[in-house]
Amino acid sequence: MARAEGEGGFARRRAATRAALLRAAQRLLAGGRGEEVSIQRITEEAGVGFGSFHNHFDSKAELFEAAVRLALDEFAEILEGATRDATDPAEKFAAKARLTFHLIDRRPQLVRILARHGHLAVQAETGLGPRALQDIAEGMTAGRFRVADPRTALYAVSGALLGLIQLRLETPSPDPAFAETGAELLLRLLGVPDPDAHTVSRRPLPPLPAGGARP
């Protein structure tokens, strides 16, 4: 029994160290400092011993890749959790875009990682990219989106979304309707008629799931 408890404690400490390293990496990535810092700086940021780094990661690149993937997956879960009950593909897509803009104030670290590394999500096999591709395909099937190819549309709206996020990050006092205007623009890119895009992008937003509003 004592041995089992000891092994359990070791596993918990190991998991806590790994989590601390990932959180530190995310903070550094959000601040744009990921590529230039040393492993010693990372472990200091994480509050763990220098020697513990290589117990979990072979290199800085591996750590930062895992940290980005974790952040993008978390972002995807937040958006899916908030819009899981939506039945109109256009409204669901617009809500995800608007919530992304609102999360700039609520989860700035997460959104800054998305702004800097969101292009990786488009190419990933899980997470934001595939879910957005599925949303576009469902919108096409339902006749809500008028685009020729869902993957081309994904790249187009992803580029526009990342550009809008960057604009919002650089704007200290944005227009109060920035999120709605941005979502309307994205719907238009997907072929939603102007009046409909305007109306859909201003429907009531679903609440963020628990944890979505934490810093």
Protein backbone atom coordinates (compact mmCIF):
# COMPACT_ATOMS: atom_id res chain seq x y z
CA MET A 1 0.00 0.00 0.00
CA ALA A 2 2.77 2.43 0.96
CA ARG A 3 4.56 1.67 -2.31
CA ALA A 4 1.39 2.31 -4.32
CA GLU A 5 0.85 5.64 -2.53
CA GLY A 6 4.46 6.58 -3.18
CA GLU A 7 4.14 5.79 -6.88
CA GLY A 8 0.92 7.77 -7.01
CA GLY A 9 2.57 10.77 -5.40
CA PHE A 10 5.46 10.60 -7.86
CA ALA A 11 3.06 10.48 -10.80
CA ARG A 12 1.18 13.51 -9.47
CA ARG A 13 4.40 15.48 -8.98
CA ARG A 14 5.57 14.53 -12.46
CA ALA A 15 2.25 15.61 -13.97
CA ALA A 16 2.37 18.88 -12.01
CA THR A 17 5.88 19.61 -13.29
CA ARG A 18 4.86 18.96 -16.88
CA ALA A 19 1.79 21.17 -16.49
CA ALA A 20 3.92 23.96 -15.00
CA LEU A 21 6.32 23.80 -17.94
CA LEU A 22 3.43 23.96 -20.41
CA ARG A 23 1.84 26.93 -18.64
CA ALA A 24 5.18 28.73 -18.59
CA ALA A 25 5.66 28.04 -22.29
CA GLN A 26 2.21 29.43 -23.04
CA ARG A 27 2.94 32.63 -21.12
CA LEU A 28 6.20 33.07 -23.02
CA LEU A 29 4.53 32.34 -26.35
CA ALA A 30 1.74 34.83 -25.65
CA GLY A 31 4.36 37.45 -24.91
CA GLY A 32 6.20 36.71 -28.14
CA ARG A 33 9.30 35.50 -26.30
CA GLY A 34 9.15 31.77 -26.90
CA GLU A 35 11.81 31.36 -29.55
CA GLU A 36 14.50 33.42 -27.84
CA VAL A 37 14.44 32.14 -24.26
CA SER A 38 16.73 29.51 -22.77
CA ILE A 39 15.67 26.30 -21.06
CA GLN A 40 16.86 27.82 -17.78
CA ARG A 41 14.54 30.80 -18.32
CA ILE A 42 11.66 28.43 -19.04
CA THR A 43 12.22 26.41 -15.87
CA GLU A 44 12.50 29.62 -13.83
CA GLU A 45 9.21 30.82 -15.30
CA ALA A 46 7.66 27.45 -14.44
CA GLY A 47 9.12 27.38 -10.93
CA VAL A 48 10.71 23.96 -11.41
CA GLY A 49 14.26 22.66 -11.31
CA PHE A 50 16.43 23.00 -14.41
CA GLY A 51 17.15 19.29 -14.49
CA SER A 52 13.47 18.40 -14.64
CA PHE A 53 13.02 19.83 -18.14
CA HIS A 54 14.46 16.85 -20.01
CA ASN A 55 12.37 14.46 -17.95
CA HIS A 56 9.44 15.71 -20.00
CA PHE A 57 10.69 17.27 -23.24
CA ASP A 58 13.67 16.64 -25.49
CA SER A 59 13.89 20.23 -26.69
CA LYS A 60 12.39 23.70 -26.47
CA ALA A 61 10.74 23.09 -29.84
CA GLU A 62 8.94 20.04 -28.50
CA LEU A 63 7.73 21.96 -25.43
CA PHE A 64 6.45 24.91 -27.43
CA GLU A 65 4.75 22.65 -29.96
CA ALA A 66 2.93 20.88 -27.13
CA ALA A 67 2.03 24.21 -25.50
CA VAL A 68 0.56 25.58 -28.74
CA ARG A 69 -1.38 22.39 -29.39
CA LEU A 70 -2.77 22.44 -25.85
CA ALA A 71 -3.84 26.08 -26.17
CA LEU A 72 -5.52 25.59 -29.55
CA ASP A 73 -7.33 22.46 -28.31
CA GLU A 74 -8.55 24.36 -25.25
CA PHE A 75 -9.78 27.17 -27.49
CA ALA A 76 -11.66 24.69 -29.63
CA GLU A 77 -13.30 23.12 -26.57
CA ILE A 78 -14.44 26.53 -25.30
CA LEU A 79 -16.09 27.40 -28.61
CA GLU A 80 -17.66 23.97 -29.04
CA GLY A 81 -18.98 24.01 -25.49
CA ALA A 82 -20.64 27.37 -26.02
CA THR A 83 -22.26 26.56 -29.37
CA ARG A 84 -23.11 22.87 -29.09
CA ASP A 85 -26.87 23.60 -29.06
CA ALA A 86 -26.85 25.82 -32.16
CA THR A 87 -28.89 24.39 -35.05
CA ASP A 88 -28.26 27.02 -37.72
CA PRO A 89 -24.75 26.54 -39.19
CA ALA A 90 -24.45 30.23 -40.01
CA GLU A 91 -25.42 31.28 -36.51
CA LYS A 92 -23.01 28.74 -35.02
CA PHE A 93 -20.14 29.99 -37.15
CA ALA A 94 -20.90 33.62 -36.34
CA ALA A 95 -21.19 32.87 -32.63
CA LYS A 96 -17.78 31.17 -32.61
CA ALA A 97 -16.23 34.18 -34.31
CA ARG A 98 -17.88 36.66 -31.92
CA LEU A 99 -16.87 34.63 -28.87
CA THR A 100 -13.30 34.57 -30.19
CA PHE A 101 -13.27 38.38 -30.25
CA HIS A 102 -14.81 38.57 -26.76
CA LEU A 103 -12.20 36.16 -25.44
CA ILE A 104 -9.51 38.71 -26.30
CA ASP A 105 -10.46 40.51 -23.08
CA ARG A 106 -11.32 37.42 -21.04
CA ARG A 107 -8.54 35.05 -22.11
CA PRO A 108 -5.88 37.34 -23.62
CA GLN A 109 -3.05 34.83 -23.27
CA LEU A 110 -4.99 32.15 -25.11
CA VAL A 111 -6.02 34.50 -27.91
CA ARG A 112 -2.50 35.85 -28.37
CA ILE A 113 -1.27 32.30 -28.89
CA LEU A 114 -4.06 31.81 -31.43
CA ALA A 115 -3.10 35.04 -33.20
CA ARG A 116 0.55 33.98 -33.49
CA HIS A 117 0.09 30.27 -34.19
CA GLY A 118 -3.46 29.90 -35.48
CA HIS A 119 -2.20 28.99 -38.95
CA LEU A 120 -1.09 25.68 -37.44
CA ALA A 121 -4.68 24.91 -36.44
CA VAL A 122 -5.80 24.97 -40.07
CA GLN A 123 -3.32 22.22 -40.91
CA ALA A 124 -3.88 20.12 -37.77
CA GLU A 125 -5.72 16.80 -37.76
CA THR A 126 -7.68 17.66 -34.59
CA GLY A 127 -8.97 20.78 -32.87
CA LEU A 128 -9.95 24.13 -34.35
CA GLY A 129 -9.17 23.50 -38.02
CA PRO A 130 -11.07 20.25 -38.54
CA ARG A 131 -14.02 21.53 -36.51
CA ALA A 132 -14.20 24.71 -38.57
CA LEU A 133 -13.99 22.62 -41.75
CA GLN A 134 -16.87 20.50 -40.50
CA ASP A 135 -18.89 23.64 -39.68
CA ILE A 136 -18.34 24.94 -43.21
CA ALA A 137 -19.28 21.61 -44.77
CA GLU A 138 -22.47 21.46 -42.69
CA GLY A 139 -23.30 25.01 -43.75
CA MET A 140 -22.85 24.06 -47.39
CA THR A 141 -25.07 20.99 -46.99
CA ALA A 142 -27.76 23.10 -45.32
CA GLY A 143 -27.59 25.67 -48.11
CA ARG A 144 -26.39 28.39 -45.72
CA PHE A 145 -22.88 28.76 -47.16
CA ARG A 146 -22.32 29.27 -50.88
CA VAL A 147 -18.72 28.32 -51.53
CA ALA A 148 -17.22 25.97 -54.09
CA ASP A 149 -14.78 24.12 -51.86
CA PRO A 150 -14.88 23.86 -48.04
CA ARG A 151 -11.09 23.65 -47.58
CA THR A 152 -10.47 26.74 -49.70
CA ALA A 153 -13.16 28.52 -47.72
CA LEU A 154 -11.52 27.40 -44.47
CA TYR A 155 -8.19 28.96 -45.43
CA ALA A 156 -9.90 32.15 -46.57
CA VAL A 157 -11.97 32.72 -43.44
CA SER A 158 -9.13 31.60 -41.15
CA GLY A 159 -6.81 34.18 -42.68
CA ALA A 160 -9.48 36.85 -42.32
CA LEU A 161 -10.22 35.85 -38.73
CA LEU A 162 -6.56 35.93 -37.70
CA GLY A 163 -6.19 39.33 -39.33
CA LEU A 164 -9.22 40.64 -37.45
CA ILE A 165 -7.87 39.25 -34.18
CA GLN A 166 -4.58 41.05 -34.77
CA LEU A 167 -6.42 44.28 -35.56
CA ARG A 168 -8.46 43.95 -32.38
CA LEU A 169 -5.32 43.31 -30.31
CA GLU A 170 -3.76 46.47 -31.73
CA THR A 171 -6.86 48.60 -31.06
CA PRO A 172 -7.00 49.93 -27.47
CA SER A 173 -10.58 51.21 -27.77
CA PRO A 174 -12.37 49.13 -30.41
CA ASP A 175 -15.82 49.77 -31.76
CA PRO A 176 -18.35 48.14 -29.36
CA ALA A 177 -19.77 46.27 -32.35
CA PHE A 178 -16.36 44.98 -33.53
CA ALA A 179 -17.27 41.34 -32.85
CA GLU A 180 -20.55 41.56 -34.73
CA THR A 181 -19.03 43.44 -37.66
CA GLY A 182 -16.20 40.93 -37.88
CA ALA A 183 -18.55 37.95 -37.77
CA GLU A 184 -20.73 39.54 -40.45
CA LEU A 185 -17.70 39.93 -42.71
CA LEU A 186 -16.79 36.26 -42.25
CA LEU A 187 -20.32 35.15 -43.08
CA ARG A 188 -20.20 37.21 -46.26
CA LEU A 189 -16.97 35.45 -47.23
CA LEU A 190 -18.90 32.19 -46.90
CA GLY A 191 -21.58 33.44 -49.28
CA VAL A 192 -24.29 34.40 -46.77
CA PRO A 193 -26.36 37.26 -48.27
CA ASP A 194 -25.69 40.68 -46.74
CA PRO A 195 -29.01 41.21 -44.90
CA ASP A 196 -28.94 37.69 -43.48
CA ALA A 197 -25.27 37.99 -42.45
CA HIS A 198 -26.06 41.23 -40.63
CA THR A 199 -29.01 39.71 -38.75
CA VAL A 200 -27.35 36.40 -37.86
CA SER A 201 -24.22 38.07 -36.54
CA ARG A 202 -26.29 40.04 -34.05
CA ARG A 203 -28.39 37.29 -32.54
CA PRO A 204 -28.02 36.66 -28.77
CA LEU A 205 -24.77 34.95 -27.88
CA PRO A 206 -24.68 31.73 -25.85
CA PRO A 207 -22.77 31.95 -22.54
CA LEU A 208 -19.22 30.73 -22.30
CA PRO A 209 -18.84 27.35 -20.58
CA ALA A 210 -17.29 27.13 -17.13
CA GLY A 211 -13.58 27.94 -17.36
CA GLY A 212 -13.96 29.90 -20.58
CA ALA A 213 -13.87 33.23 -18.79
CA ARG A 214 -10.92 32.56 -16.51
CA PRO A 215 -7.72 34.57 -17.15
